[in-house]
C-alpha cells in the first residue's frame, strides 16, 4: 500500500472566494503564455495566498519558460535536473512530458529520474548536467564547466540558464515547503511524498 500523501499546508482557494489581488494573479496566468486553461495548482496555488508576490514570480517564470535564448530541449532538461535535485514531485510531474515533447530522450529522462548521470545524452545536455551538479554542490562553477556550456549556448543563454535554475529552485522550494504534490491519481517520481 502506498504511503499516505501529506495534505498541502495551504488550503486551495476557490475563484469565488478570491479577493481582487488574487483575481489579478489568476487573470495574469490565464492571459499569459500558459493559457486560459491553466490549472491553478502547484506553485500557483501557493502564490494565490500572496498574490502580489505571485504576480511578480509568475512573470519571471513566463519569461524563463517561454522567452529565453536557451532552446526548449535544454531549458526543460535543466528544469528536470533541478526537479530531481530538489525531489520536487510536482515540478517533475509537470515538466517530464514537456521535456519529452521538447526532444529530451526517454533514456535521459529515466536516468535523471533515477538520479543517474545521463551518459547517453547529447553533449550539450551532458554539459548542462555537469553545470547543474557543480553549481548546486559548490554554489559556483569552474571556468572549464562554464566554457563547456557557453560553447554550446553563448552569453545570453548562459545568463538565462542561471535564471532558469534559480527560478525553478524557487519553484521547488515552494512546492516542497507547502507540500504541493501532483494529483492523487498521478504517480510520484521520487518514491514517497516528501
N, C-alpha and C. Protein backbone atom coordinates (compact mmCIF):
# COMPACT_ATOMS: atom_id res chain seq x y z
N UNK A 1 0.84 -1.18 0.00
CA UNK A 1 0.00 0.00 0.00
C UNK A 1 0.89 1.25 0.00
N UNK A 2 0.66 2.20 -0.93
CA UNK A 2 1.49 3.40 -0.98
C UNK A 2 1.31 4.25 0.27
N UNK A 3 2.38 4.98 0.60
CA UNK A 3 2.33 5.88 1.75
C UNK A 3 1.27 6.95 1.54
N UNK A 4 0.61 7.32 2.63
CA UNK A 4 -0.40 8.36 2.57
C UNK A 4 0.28 9.69 2.25
N UNK A 5 -0.29 10.42 1.34
CA UNK A 5 0.27 11.72 0.97
C UNK A 5 -0.10 12.76 2.02
N UNK A 6 0.85 13.58 2.41
CA UNK A 6 0.52 14.63 3.38
C UNK A 6 -0.35 15.70 2.71
N UNK A 7 -1.18 16.32 3.50
CA UNK A 7 -2.04 17.38 2.99
C UNK A 7 -1.21 18.62 2.70
N UNK A 8 -1.60 19.39 1.67
CA UNK A 8 -0.92 20.67 1.44
C UNK A 8 -1.04 21.56 2.68
N UNK A 9 -0.06 22.40 2.87
CA UNK A 9 -0.08 23.30 4.03
C UNK A 9 -0.92 24.54 3.79
N UNK A 10 -1.30 24.78 2.56
CA UNK A 10 -2.17 25.92 2.23
C UNK A 10 -3.44 25.40 1.61
N UNK A 11 -4.56 25.89 2.08
CA UNK A 11 -5.85 25.45 1.54
C UNK A 11 -6.03 25.99 0.12
N UNK A 12 -6.57 25.17 -0.77
CA UNK A 12 -6.85 25.69 -2.12
C UNK A 12 -7.92 26.77 -2.05
N UNK A 13 -7.80 27.74 -2.93
CA UNK A 13 -8.77 28.84 -2.96
C UNK A 13 -9.71 28.65 -4.15
N UNK A 14 -10.98 28.78 -3.90
CA UNK A 14 -11.97 28.77 -4.98
C UNK A 14 -12.03 30.18 -5.57
N UNK A 15 -12.25 30.26 -6.85
CA UNK A 15 -12.27 31.56 -7.51
C UNK A 15 -13.30 32.50 -6.89
N UNK A 16 -14.43 31.98 -6.48
CA UNK A 16 -15.50 32.81 -5.89
C UNK A 16 -15.07 33.47 -4.59
N UNK A 17 -14.10 32.90 -3.89
CA UNK A 17 -13.67 33.47 -2.62
C UNK A 17 -12.42 34.35 -2.74
N UNK A 18 -11.91 34.54 -3.95
CA UNK A 18 -10.69 35.32 -4.15
C UNK A 18 -10.94 36.82 -4.04
N UNK A 19 -9.94 37.52 -3.48
CA UNK A 19 -10.00 38.98 -3.43
C UNK A 19 -9.44 39.55 -4.75
N UNK A 20 -9.43 40.85 -4.89
CA UNK A 20 -9.01 41.46 -6.15
C UNK A 20 -7.55 41.15 -6.53
N UNK A 21 -6.57 41.25 -5.62
CA UNK A 21 -5.20 40.88 -6.00
C UNK A 21 -5.09 39.41 -6.44
N UNK A 22 -5.83 38.53 -5.78
CA UNK A 22 -5.81 37.12 -6.18
C UNK A 22 -6.42 36.94 -7.58
N UNK A 23 -7.48 37.65 -7.85
CA UNK A 23 -8.10 37.58 -9.19
C UNK A 23 -7.15 38.16 -10.25
N UNK A 24 -6.40 39.20 -9.88
CA UNK A 24 -5.44 39.78 -10.83
C UNK A 24 -4.35 38.75 -11.18
N UNK A 25 -3.88 38.01 -10.18
CA UNK A 25 -2.89 36.96 -10.44
C UNK A 25 -3.49 35.88 -11.33
N UNK A 26 -4.69 35.45 -11.03
CA UNK A 26 -5.35 34.44 -11.84
C UNK A 26 -5.51 34.91 -13.28
N UNK A 27 -5.89 36.15 -13.46
CA UNK A 27 -6.05 36.71 -14.81
C UNK A 27 -4.71 36.77 -15.54
N UNK A 28 -3.65 37.15 -14.84
CA UNK A 28 -2.32 37.19 -15.46
C UNK A 28 -1.89 35.80 -15.91
N UNK A 29 -2.19 34.79 -15.12
CA UNK A 29 -1.87 33.42 -15.50
C UNK A 29 -2.65 32.99 -16.74
N UNK A 30 -3.92 33.34 -16.77
CA UNK A 30 -4.79 32.91 -17.87
C UNK A 30 -4.54 33.66 -19.17
N UNK A 31 -4.13 34.91 -19.08
CA UNK A 31 -3.92 35.70 -20.30
C UNK A 31 -2.48 35.67 -20.78
N UNK A 32 -1.60 35.08 -19.99
CA UNK A 32 -0.19 34.97 -20.37
C UNK A 32 0.05 33.75 -21.25
N UNK A 33 1.30 33.41 -21.46
CA UNK A 33 1.63 32.31 -22.37
C UNK A 33 1.19 30.93 -21.88
N UNK A 34 0.86 30.80 -20.60
CA UNK A 34 0.41 29.50 -20.08
C UNK A 34 -0.99 29.17 -20.57
N UNK A 35 -1.79 30.20 -20.87
CA UNK A 35 -3.09 29.99 -21.49
C UNK A 35 -4.27 29.95 -20.56
N UNK A 36 -5.43 30.12 -21.17
CA UNK A 36 -6.70 30.23 -20.45
C UNK A 36 -7.02 28.98 -19.62
N UNK A 37 -6.63 27.81 -20.09
CA UNK A 37 -6.98 26.58 -19.41
C UNK A 37 -6.01 26.14 -18.33
N UNK A 38 -5.11 27.02 -17.92
CA UNK A 38 -4.11 26.63 -16.92
C UNK A 38 -4.78 26.16 -15.63
N UNK A 39 -4.28 25.07 -15.10
CA UNK A 39 -4.76 24.57 -13.82
C UNK A 39 -4.06 25.35 -12.72
N UNK A 40 -4.82 25.85 -11.79
CA UNK A 40 -4.24 26.61 -10.69
C UNK A 40 -3.91 25.63 -9.56
N UNK A 41 -2.75 25.01 -9.72
CA UNK A 41 -2.23 24.09 -8.73
C UNK A 41 -0.72 24.29 -8.69
N UNK A 42 -0.04 23.45 -7.95
CA UNK A 42 1.41 23.60 -7.84
C UNK A 42 1.76 24.94 -7.23
N UNK A 43 2.80 25.60 -7.77
CA UNK A 43 3.24 26.86 -7.17
C UNK A 43 2.18 27.95 -7.26
N UNK A 44 1.37 27.92 -8.31
CA UNK A 44 0.36 28.98 -8.48
C UNK A 44 -0.67 28.93 -7.36
N UNK A 45 -1.03 27.73 -6.92
CA UNK A 45 -1.97 27.60 -5.81
C UNK A 45 -1.39 28.19 -4.53
N UNK A 46 -0.09 28.04 -4.33
CA UNK A 46 0.55 28.64 -3.15
C UNK A 46 0.60 30.16 -3.30
N UNK A 47 0.99 30.63 -4.49
CA UNK A 47 1.16 32.07 -4.69
C UNK A 47 -0.14 32.85 -4.59
N UNK A 48 -1.27 32.20 -4.78
CA UNK A 48 -2.55 32.91 -4.60
C UNK A 48 -2.71 33.42 -3.17
N UNK A 49 -1.99 32.83 -2.23
CA UNK A 49 -2.04 33.29 -0.84
C UNK A 49 -1.18 34.53 -0.61
N UNK A 50 -0.33 34.87 -1.55
CA UNK A 50 0.50 36.08 -1.53
C UNK A 50 0.50 36.63 -2.96
N UNK A 51 -0.63 37.14 -3.44
CA UNK A 51 -0.80 37.41 -4.87
C UNK A 51 0.12 38.47 -5.46
N UNK A 52 0.50 39.48 -4.70
CA UNK A 52 1.41 40.49 -5.25
C UNK A 52 2.77 39.85 -5.57
N UNK A 53 3.23 39.02 -4.66
CA UNK A 53 4.46 38.25 -4.88
C UNK A 53 4.27 37.30 -6.06
N UNK A 54 3.16 36.59 -6.08
CA UNK A 54 2.87 35.64 -7.14
C UNK A 54 2.84 36.28 -8.51
N UNK A 55 2.33 37.50 -8.59
CA UNK A 55 2.27 38.22 -9.87
C UNK A 55 3.68 38.45 -10.42
N UNK A 56 4.59 38.86 -9.56
CA UNK A 56 5.98 39.07 -9.98
C UNK A 56 6.67 37.74 -10.33
N UNK A 57 6.47 36.74 -9.48
CA UNK A 57 7.12 35.44 -9.71
C UNK A 57 6.62 34.79 -10.99
N UNK A 58 5.31 34.85 -11.25
CA UNK A 58 4.81 34.21 -12.46
C UNK A 58 5.28 34.92 -13.71
N UNK A 59 5.51 36.24 -13.63
CA UNK A 59 6.03 36.97 -14.80
C UNK A 59 7.46 36.53 -15.11
N UNK A 60 8.28 36.39 -14.07
CA UNK A 60 9.63 35.88 -14.28
C UNK A 60 9.56 34.46 -14.84
N UNK A 61 8.68 33.65 -14.29
CA UNK A 61 8.53 32.28 -14.76
C UNK A 61 8.09 32.20 -16.21
N UNK A 62 7.21 33.08 -16.62
CA UNK A 62 6.76 33.08 -18.01
C UNK A 62 7.95 33.36 -18.93
N UNK A 63 8.81 34.30 -18.52
CA UNK A 63 9.99 34.58 -19.34
C UNK A 63 10.93 33.36 -19.35
N UNK A 64 11.20 32.82 -18.17
CA UNK A 64 12.12 31.68 -18.07
C UNK A 64 11.62 30.50 -18.88
N UNK A 65 10.35 30.32 -18.92
CA UNK A 65 9.78 29.15 -19.60
C UNK A 65 9.62 29.34 -21.10
N UNK A 66 9.26 30.55 -21.54
CA UNK A 66 8.85 30.73 -22.93
C UNK A 66 9.73 31.66 -23.77
N UNK A 67 10.59 32.45 -23.15
CA UNK A 67 11.25 33.52 -23.91
C UNK A 67 12.76 33.59 -23.78
N UNK A 68 13.41 32.54 -23.36
CA UNK A 68 14.86 32.64 -23.22
C UNK A 68 15.56 32.25 -24.52
N UNK A 69 16.84 32.54 -24.57
CA UNK A 69 17.67 32.17 -25.72
C UNK A 69 18.03 30.69 -25.70
N UNK A 70 17.76 30.02 -24.59
CA UNK A 70 18.04 28.59 -24.48
C UNK A 70 16.97 27.80 -25.23
N UNK A 71 17.35 26.88 -26.09
CA UNK A 71 16.34 26.08 -26.79
C UNK A 71 15.46 25.32 -25.79
N UNK A 72 14.18 25.10 -26.10
CA UNK A 72 13.29 24.40 -25.16
C UNK A 72 13.83 23.06 -24.67
N UNK A 73 14.48 22.29 -25.51
CA UNK A 73 15.02 20.99 -25.07
C UNK A 73 16.01 21.19 -23.92
N UNK A 74 16.89 22.17 -24.04
CA UNK A 74 17.89 22.40 -22.99
C UNK A 74 17.28 23.03 -21.76
N UNK A 75 16.32 23.90 -21.96
CA UNK A 75 15.62 24.52 -20.84
C UNK A 75 14.87 23.47 -20.02
N UNK A 76 14.11 22.62 -20.70
CA UNK A 76 13.36 21.58 -19.99
C UNK A 76 14.30 20.57 -19.34
N UNK A 77 15.41 20.27 -20.00
CA UNK A 77 16.41 19.39 -19.40
C UNK A 77 16.92 19.99 -18.09
N UNK A 78 17.25 21.27 -18.10
CA UNK A 78 17.75 21.94 -16.89
C UNK A 78 16.68 21.95 -15.80
N UNK A 79 15.42 22.12 -16.18
CA UNK A 79 14.33 22.10 -15.21
C UNK A 79 14.22 20.72 -14.57
N UNK A 80 14.32 19.66 -15.38
CA UNK A 80 14.27 18.30 -14.81
C UNK A 80 15.45 18.05 -13.87
N UNK A 81 16.63 18.55 -14.24
CA UNK A 81 17.80 18.41 -13.35
C UNK A 81 17.51 19.06 -12.00
N UNK A 82 16.87 20.22 -12.02
CA UNK A 82 16.54 20.94 -10.79
C UNK A 82 15.47 20.18 -10.00
N UNK A 83 14.44 19.72 -10.70
CA UNK A 83 13.37 18.96 -10.03
C UNK A 83 13.96 17.74 -9.33
N UNK A 84 14.87 17.06 -9.99
CA UNK A 84 15.49 15.87 -9.40
C UNK A 84 16.34 16.23 -8.20
N UNK A 85 17.12 17.30 -8.32
CA UNK A 85 18.00 17.72 -7.23
C UNK A 85 17.17 18.01 -5.97
N UNK A 86 16.02 18.65 -6.15
CA UNK A 86 15.16 19.03 -5.03
C UNK A 86 14.11 17.97 -4.70
N UNK A 87 14.04 16.91 -5.52
CA UNK A 87 12.98 15.90 -5.38
C UNK A 87 11.61 16.58 -5.32
N UNK A 88 11.43 17.53 -6.21
CA UNK A 88 10.19 18.30 -6.30
C UNK A 88 9.20 17.51 -7.16
N UNK A 89 8.32 16.80 -6.50
CA UNK A 89 7.41 15.87 -7.17
C UNK A 89 6.54 16.57 -8.23
N UNK A 90 5.93 17.69 -7.85
CA UNK A 90 5.03 18.36 -8.80
C UNK A 90 5.81 18.92 -9.98
N UNK A 91 6.97 19.47 -9.72
CA UNK A 91 7.78 20.03 -10.81
C UNK A 91 8.12 18.94 -11.82
N UNK A 92 8.50 17.77 -11.34
CA UNK A 92 8.79 16.66 -12.24
C UNK A 92 7.53 16.25 -13.00
N UNK A 93 6.44 16.10 -12.29
CA UNK A 93 5.15 15.73 -12.89
C UNK A 93 4.78 16.69 -14.03
N UNK A 94 4.97 17.98 -13.81
CA UNK A 94 4.59 18.99 -14.81
C UNK A 94 5.56 19.03 -15.99
N UNK A 95 6.85 18.85 -15.72
CA UNK A 95 7.85 19.10 -16.77
C UNK A 95 8.37 17.85 -17.47
N UNK A 96 8.18 16.67 -16.92
CA UNK A 96 8.64 15.48 -17.63
C UNK A 96 8.00 15.37 -19.02
N UNK A 97 6.68 15.52 -19.15
CA UNK A 97 6.10 15.43 -20.51
C UNK A 97 6.55 16.58 -21.41
N UNK A 98 6.78 17.75 -20.84
CA UNK A 98 7.25 18.89 -21.64
C UNK A 98 8.66 18.61 -22.16
N UNK A 99 9.50 18.02 -21.32
CA UNK A 99 10.86 17.69 -21.73
C UNK A 99 10.83 16.66 -22.86
N UNK A 100 9.98 15.68 -22.74
CA UNK A 100 9.87 14.67 -23.79
C UNK A 100 9.42 15.30 -25.11
N UNK A 101 8.41 16.17 -25.04
CA UNK A 101 7.93 16.85 -26.26
C UNK A 101 9.00 17.75 -26.85
N UNK A 102 9.87 18.32 -26.00
CA UNK A 102 10.92 19.22 -26.48
C UNK A 102 12.11 18.45 -27.06
N UNK A 103 12.12 17.13 -26.90
CA UNK A 103 13.18 16.33 -27.51
C UNK A 103 14.18 15.68 -26.57
N UNK A 104 13.96 15.78 -25.26
CA UNK A 104 14.84 15.06 -24.33
C UNK A 104 14.50 13.57 -24.45
N UNK A 105 15.51 12.75 -24.66
CA UNK A 105 15.30 11.32 -24.90
C UNK A 105 14.75 10.61 -23.67
N UNK A 106 13.88 9.60 -23.89
CA UNK A 106 13.33 8.84 -22.76
C UNK A 106 14.40 8.25 -21.84
N UNK A 107 15.49 7.74 -22.40
CA UNK A 107 16.58 7.17 -21.58
C UNK A 107 17.19 8.24 -20.69
N UNK A 108 17.36 9.44 -21.23
CA UNK A 108 17.91 10.55 -20.44
C UNK A 108 16.96 10.91 -19.31
N UNK A 109 15.68 10.99 -19.61
CA UNK A 109 14.68 11.30 -18.58
C UNK A 109 14.69 10.23 -17.50
N UNK A 110 14.76 8.96 -17.90
CA UNK A 110 14.79 7.86 -16.92
C UNK A 110 16.04 7.94 -16.05
N UNK A 111 17.18 8.25 -16.67
CA UNK A 111 18.41 8.39 -15.88
C UNK A 111 18.30 9.51 -14.87
N UNK A 112 17.81 10.66 -15.30
CA UNK A 112 17.65 11.78 -14.37
C UNK A 112 16.72 11.41 -13.22
N UNK A 113 15.59 10.82 -13.56
CA UNK A 113 14.61 10.45 -12.54
C UNK A 113 15.23 9.52 -11.50
N UNK A 114 16.08 8.60 -11.96
CA UNK A 114 16.72 7.64 -11.05
C UNK A 114 17.92 8.24 -10.32
N UNK A 115 18.29 9.46 -10.65
CA UNK A 115 19.44 10.10 -10.00
C UNK A 115 20.77 9.70 -10.61
N UNK A 116 20.72 9.19 -11.85
CA UNK A 116 21.95 8.78 -12.54
C UNK A 116 22.39 9.85 -13.53
N UNK A 117 23.68 9.93 -13.73
CA UNK A 117 24.21 10.80 -14.77
C UNK A 117 23.73 10.28 -16.13
N UNK A 118 23.19 11.15 -16.98
CA UNK A 118 22.68 10.71 -18.28
C UNK A 118 23.81 10.57 -19.31
N UNK A 119 24.55 9.48 -19.24
CA UNK A 119 25.75 9.31 -20.05
C UNK A 119 25.48 9.18 -21.55
N UNK A 120 24.27 8.78 -21.92
CA UNK A 120 23.95 8.65 -23.34
C UNK A 120 23.30 9.92 -23.91
N UNK A 121 23.16 10.94 -23.10
CA UNK A 121 22.56 12.20 -23.56
C UNK A 121 23.49 12.91 -24.53
N UNK A 122 22.95 13.80 -25.36
CA UNK A 122 23.80 14.59 -26.25
C UNK A 122 24.80 15.44 -25.46
N UNK A 123 25.86 15.85 -26.13
CA UNK A 123 26.93 16.60 -25.46
C UNK A 123 26.44 17.87 -24.78
N UNK A 124 25.51 18.60 -25.41
CA UNK A 124 25.04 19.85 -24.79
C UNK A 124 24.27 19.57 -23.50
N UNK A 125 23.47 18.51 -23.47
CA UNK A 125 22.76 18.16 -22.24
C UNK A 125 23.73 17.68 -21.16
N UNK A 126 24.74 16.91 -21.55
CA UNK A 126 25.72 16.46 -20.57
C UNK A 126 26.50 17.64 -19.98
N UNK A 127 26.77 18.64 -20.81
CA UNK A 127 27.45 19.84 -20.32
C UNK A 127 26.58 20.57 -19.30
N UNK A 128 25.30 20.70 -19.62
CA UNK A 128 24.38 21.36 -18.68
C UNK A 128 24.23 20.52 -17.42
N UNK A 129 24.17 19.22 -17.55
CA UNK A 129 24.08 18.36 -16.36
C UNK A 129 25.27 18.61 -15.43
N UNK A 130 26.47 18.65 -15.98
CA UNK A 130 27.67 18.90 -15.16
C UNK A 130 27.60 20.28 -14.51
N UNK A 131 27.13 21.28 -15.26
CA UNK A 131 26.98 22.64 -14.76
C UNK A 131 26.00 22.65 -13.57
N UNK A 132 24.86 22.00 -13.76
CA UNK A 132 23.84 21.97 -12.71
C UNK A 132 24.37 21.26 -11.47
N UNK A 133 25.02 20.13 -11.65
CA UNK A 133 25.56 19.41 -10.49
C UNK A 133 26.57 20.25 -9.73
N UNK A 134 27.44 20.91 -10.49
CA UNK A 134 28.50 21.70 -9.85
C UNK A 134 27.95 22.93 -9.13
N UNK A 135 27.03 23.64 -9.77
CA UNK A 135 26.52 24.86 -9.13
C UNK A 135 25.71 24.54 -7.88
N UNK A 136 24.95 23.45 -7.91
CA UNK A 136 24.17 23.09 -6.72
C UNK A 136 25.06 22.53 -5.61
N UNK A 137 26.17 21.91 -5.97
CA UNK A 137 27.07 21.34 -4.96
C UNK A 137 28.00 22.40 -4.37
N UNK A 138 28.63 23.21 -5.23
CA UNK A 138 29.67 24.13 -4.75
C UNK A 138 29.20 25.58 -4.69
N UNK A 139 28.03 25.86 -5.26
CA UNK A 139 27.46 27.22 -5.34
C UNK A 139 28.25 28.11 -6.31
N UNK A 140 29.09 27.48 -7.12
CA UNK A 140 29.88 28.16 -8.14
C UNK A 140 30.13 27.17 -9.26
N UNK A 141 30.73 27.64 -10.36
CA UNK A 141 31.17 26.72 -11.42
C UNK A 141 32.58 27.08 -11.83
N UNK A 142 33.33 26.08 -12.18
CA UNK A 142 34.71 26.28 -12.64
C UNK A 142 34.70 26.91 -14.04
N UNK A 143 35.84 27.46 -14.42
CA UNK A 143 35.97 28.01 -15.77
C UNK A 143 35.72 26.92 -16.82
N UNK A 144 36.23 25.74 -16.57
CA UNK A 144 36.06 24.64 -17.53
C UNK A 144 34.57 24.30 -17.70
N UNK A 145 33.85 24.17 -16.60
CA UNK A 145 32.42 23.84 -16.67
C UNK A 145 31.65 24.95 -17.35
N UNK A 146 31.99 26.19 -17.02
CA UNK A 146 31.33 27.34 -17.63
C UNK A 146 31.55 27.33 -19.15
N UNK A 147 32.80 27.21 -19.57
CA UNK A 147 33.13 27.23 -21.01
C UNK A 147 32.44 26.10 -21.76
N UNK A 148 32.37 24.95 -21.12
CA UNK A 148 31.76 23.79 -21.77
C UNK A 148 30.31 24.08 -22.17
N UNK A 149 29.54 24.72 -21.30
CA UNK A 149 28.17 25.09 -21.65
C UNK A 149 28.16 26.29 -22.58
N UNK A 150 28.96 27.28 -22.27
CA UNK A 150 28.99 28.51 -23.07
C UNK A 150 29.28 28.21 -24.54
N UNK A 151 30.15 27.26 -24.81
CA UNK A 151 30.46 26.91 -26.19
C UNK A 151 29.23 26.46 -26.96
N UNK A 152 28.25 25.91 -26.27
CA UNK A 152 27.01 25.48 -26.93
C UNK A 152 25.97 26.59 -27.04
N UNK A 153 25.92 27.50 -26.04
CA UNK A 153 24.76 28.40 -25.98
C UNK A 153 25.07 29.89 -26.08
N UNK A 154 26.26 30.35 -25.74
CA UNK A 154 26.59 31.77 -25.83
C UNK A 154 26.19 32.55 -24.59
N UNK A 155 26.44 33.87 -24.65
CA UNK A 155 26.29 34.75 -23.48
C UNK A 155 24.86 34.85 -22.95
N UNK A 156 23.93 35.24 -23.80
CA UNK A 156 22.55 35.47 -23.33
C UNK A 156 21.97 34.21 -22.71
N UNK A 157 22.14 33.09 -23.38
CA UNK A 157 21.58 31.84 -22.85
C UNK A 157 22.27 31.41 -21.55
N UNK A 158 23.54 31.76 -21.37
CA UNK A 158 24.21 31.45 -20.10
C UNK A 158 23.54 32.21 -18.96
N UNK A 159 23.30 33.49 -19.18
CA UNK A 159 22.63 34.30 -18.15
C UNK A 159 21.25 33.71 -17.86
N UNK A 160 20.54 33.37 -18.92
CA UNK A 160 19.18 32.87 -18.73
C UNK A 160 19.16 31.45 -18.16
N UNK A 161 20.18 30.64 -18.44
CA UNK A 161 20.26 29.32 -17.82
C UNK A 161 20.37 29.47 -16.30
N UNK A 162 21.21 30.37 -15.85
CA UNK A 162 21.32 30.61 -14.41
C UNK A 162 19.98 31.08 -13.86
N UNK A 163 19.29 31.94 -14.60
CA UNK A 163 17.96 32.39 -14.19
C UNK A 163 16.95 31.26 -14.11
N UNK A 164 16.98 30.36 -15.09
CA UNK A 164 16.08 29.20 -15.08
C UNK A 164 16.36 28.33 -13.86
N UNK A 165 17.62 28.08 -13.59
CA UNK A 165 17.96 27.26 -12.41
C UNK A 165 17.51 27.93 -11.12
N UNK A 166 17.71 29.24 -11.03
CA UNK A 166 17.25 29.97 -9.84
C UNK A 166 15.75 29.97 -9.71
N UNK A 167 15.05 30.22 -10.81
CA UNK A 167 13.59 30.27 -10.77
C UNK A 167 13.02 28.90 -10.39
N UNK A 168 13.54 27.84 -10.99
CA UNK A 168 12.99 26.52 -10.68
C UNK A 168 13.45 26.00 -9.32
N UNK A 169 14.50 26.58 -8.75
CA UNK A 169 14.80 26.32 -7.35
C UNK A 169 13.73 26.97 -6.48
N UNK A 170 13.35 28.20 -6.81
CA UNK A 170 12.24 28.86 -6.11
C UNK A 170 10.99 28.02 -6.19
N UNK A 171 10.69 27.52 -7.38
CA UNK A 171 9.51 26.68 -7.56
C UNK A 171 9.63 25.42 -6.69
N UNK A 172 10.78 24.76 -6.75
CA UNK A 172 10.98 23.54 -5.97
C UNK A 172 10.79 23.79 -4.48
N UNK A 173 11.37 24.87 -3.99
CA UNK A 173 11.23 25.19 -2.57
C UNK A 173 9.77 25.44 -2.22
N UNK A 174 9.08 26.18 -3.06
CA UNK A 174 7.66 26.47 -2.82
C UNK A 174 6.85 25.17 -2.78
N UNK A 175 7.07 24.32 -3.76
CA UNK A 175 6.33 23.06 -3.83
C UNK A 175 6.62 22.18 -2.62
N UNK A 176 7.88 22.07 -2.24
CA UNK A 176 8.25 21.20 -1.14
C UNK A 176 7.78 21.73 0.21
N UNK A 177 7.96 23.01 0.45
CA UNK A 177 7.56 23.58 1.75
C UNK A 177 6.05 23.50 1.94
N UNK A 178 5.30 23.80 0.89
CA UNK A 178 3.83 23.84 1.02
C UNK A 178 3.16 22.52 0.62
N UNK A 179 3.99 21.49 0.37
CA UNK A 179 3.50 20.14 0.05
C UNK A 179 2.54 20.13 -1.13
N UNK A 180 2.94 20.81 -2.18
CA UNK A 180 2.14 20.83 -3.39
C UNK A 180 2.56 19.64 -4.24
N UNK A 181 1.73 18.62 -4.26
CA UNK A 181 2.03 17.37 -4.95
C UNK A 181 1.19 17.24 -6.22
N UNK A 182 1.58 16.31 -7.09
CA UNK A 182 0.75 16.03 -8.26
C UNK A 182 -0.63 15.55 -7.83
N UNK A 183 -1.58 15.51 -8.75
CA UNK A 183 -2.91 14.98 -8.42
C UNK A 183 -2.80 13.56 -7.84
N UNK A 184 -3.77 13.19 -7.03
CA UNK A 184 -3.74 11.90 -6.35
C UNK A 184 -3.62 10.71 -7.30
N UNK A 185 -4.14 10.84 -8.51
CA UNK A 185 -4.09 9.71 -9.45
C UNK A 185 -2.77 9.64 -10.22
N UNK A 186 -1.86 10.59 -9.98
CA UNK A 186 -0.56 10.60 -10.64
C UNK A 186 0.48 9.94 -9.73
N UNK A 187 1.38 9.17 -10.34
CA UNK A 187 2.44 8.55 -9.54
C UNK A 187 3.46 9.61 -9.14
N UNK A 188 4.16 9.33 -8.07
CA UNK A 188 5.21 10.22 -7.60
C UNK A 188 6.55 9.77 -8.18
N UNK A 189 7.28 10.69 -8.76
CA UNK A 189 8.54 10.37 -9.45
C UNK A 189 9.61 9.85 -8.52
N UNK A 190 9.61 10.31 -7.28
CA UNK A 190 10.73 10.02 -6.39
C UNK A 190 10.28 9.23 -5.16
N UNK A 191 9.44 8.25 -5.35
CA UNK A 191 9.00 7.42 -4.25
C UNK A 191 8.02 8.16 -3.36
N UNK A 192 8.29 8.14 -2.07
CA UNK A 192 7.39 8.74 -1.10
C UNK A 192 7.11 10.20 -1.36
N UNK A 193 6.10 10.75 -0.72
CA UNK A 193 5.64 12.10 -1.00
C UNK A 193 6.59 13.21 -0.58
N UNK A 194 7.56 12.94 0.28
CA UNK A 194 8.43 14.01 0.76
C UNK A 194 9.37 14.48 -0.31
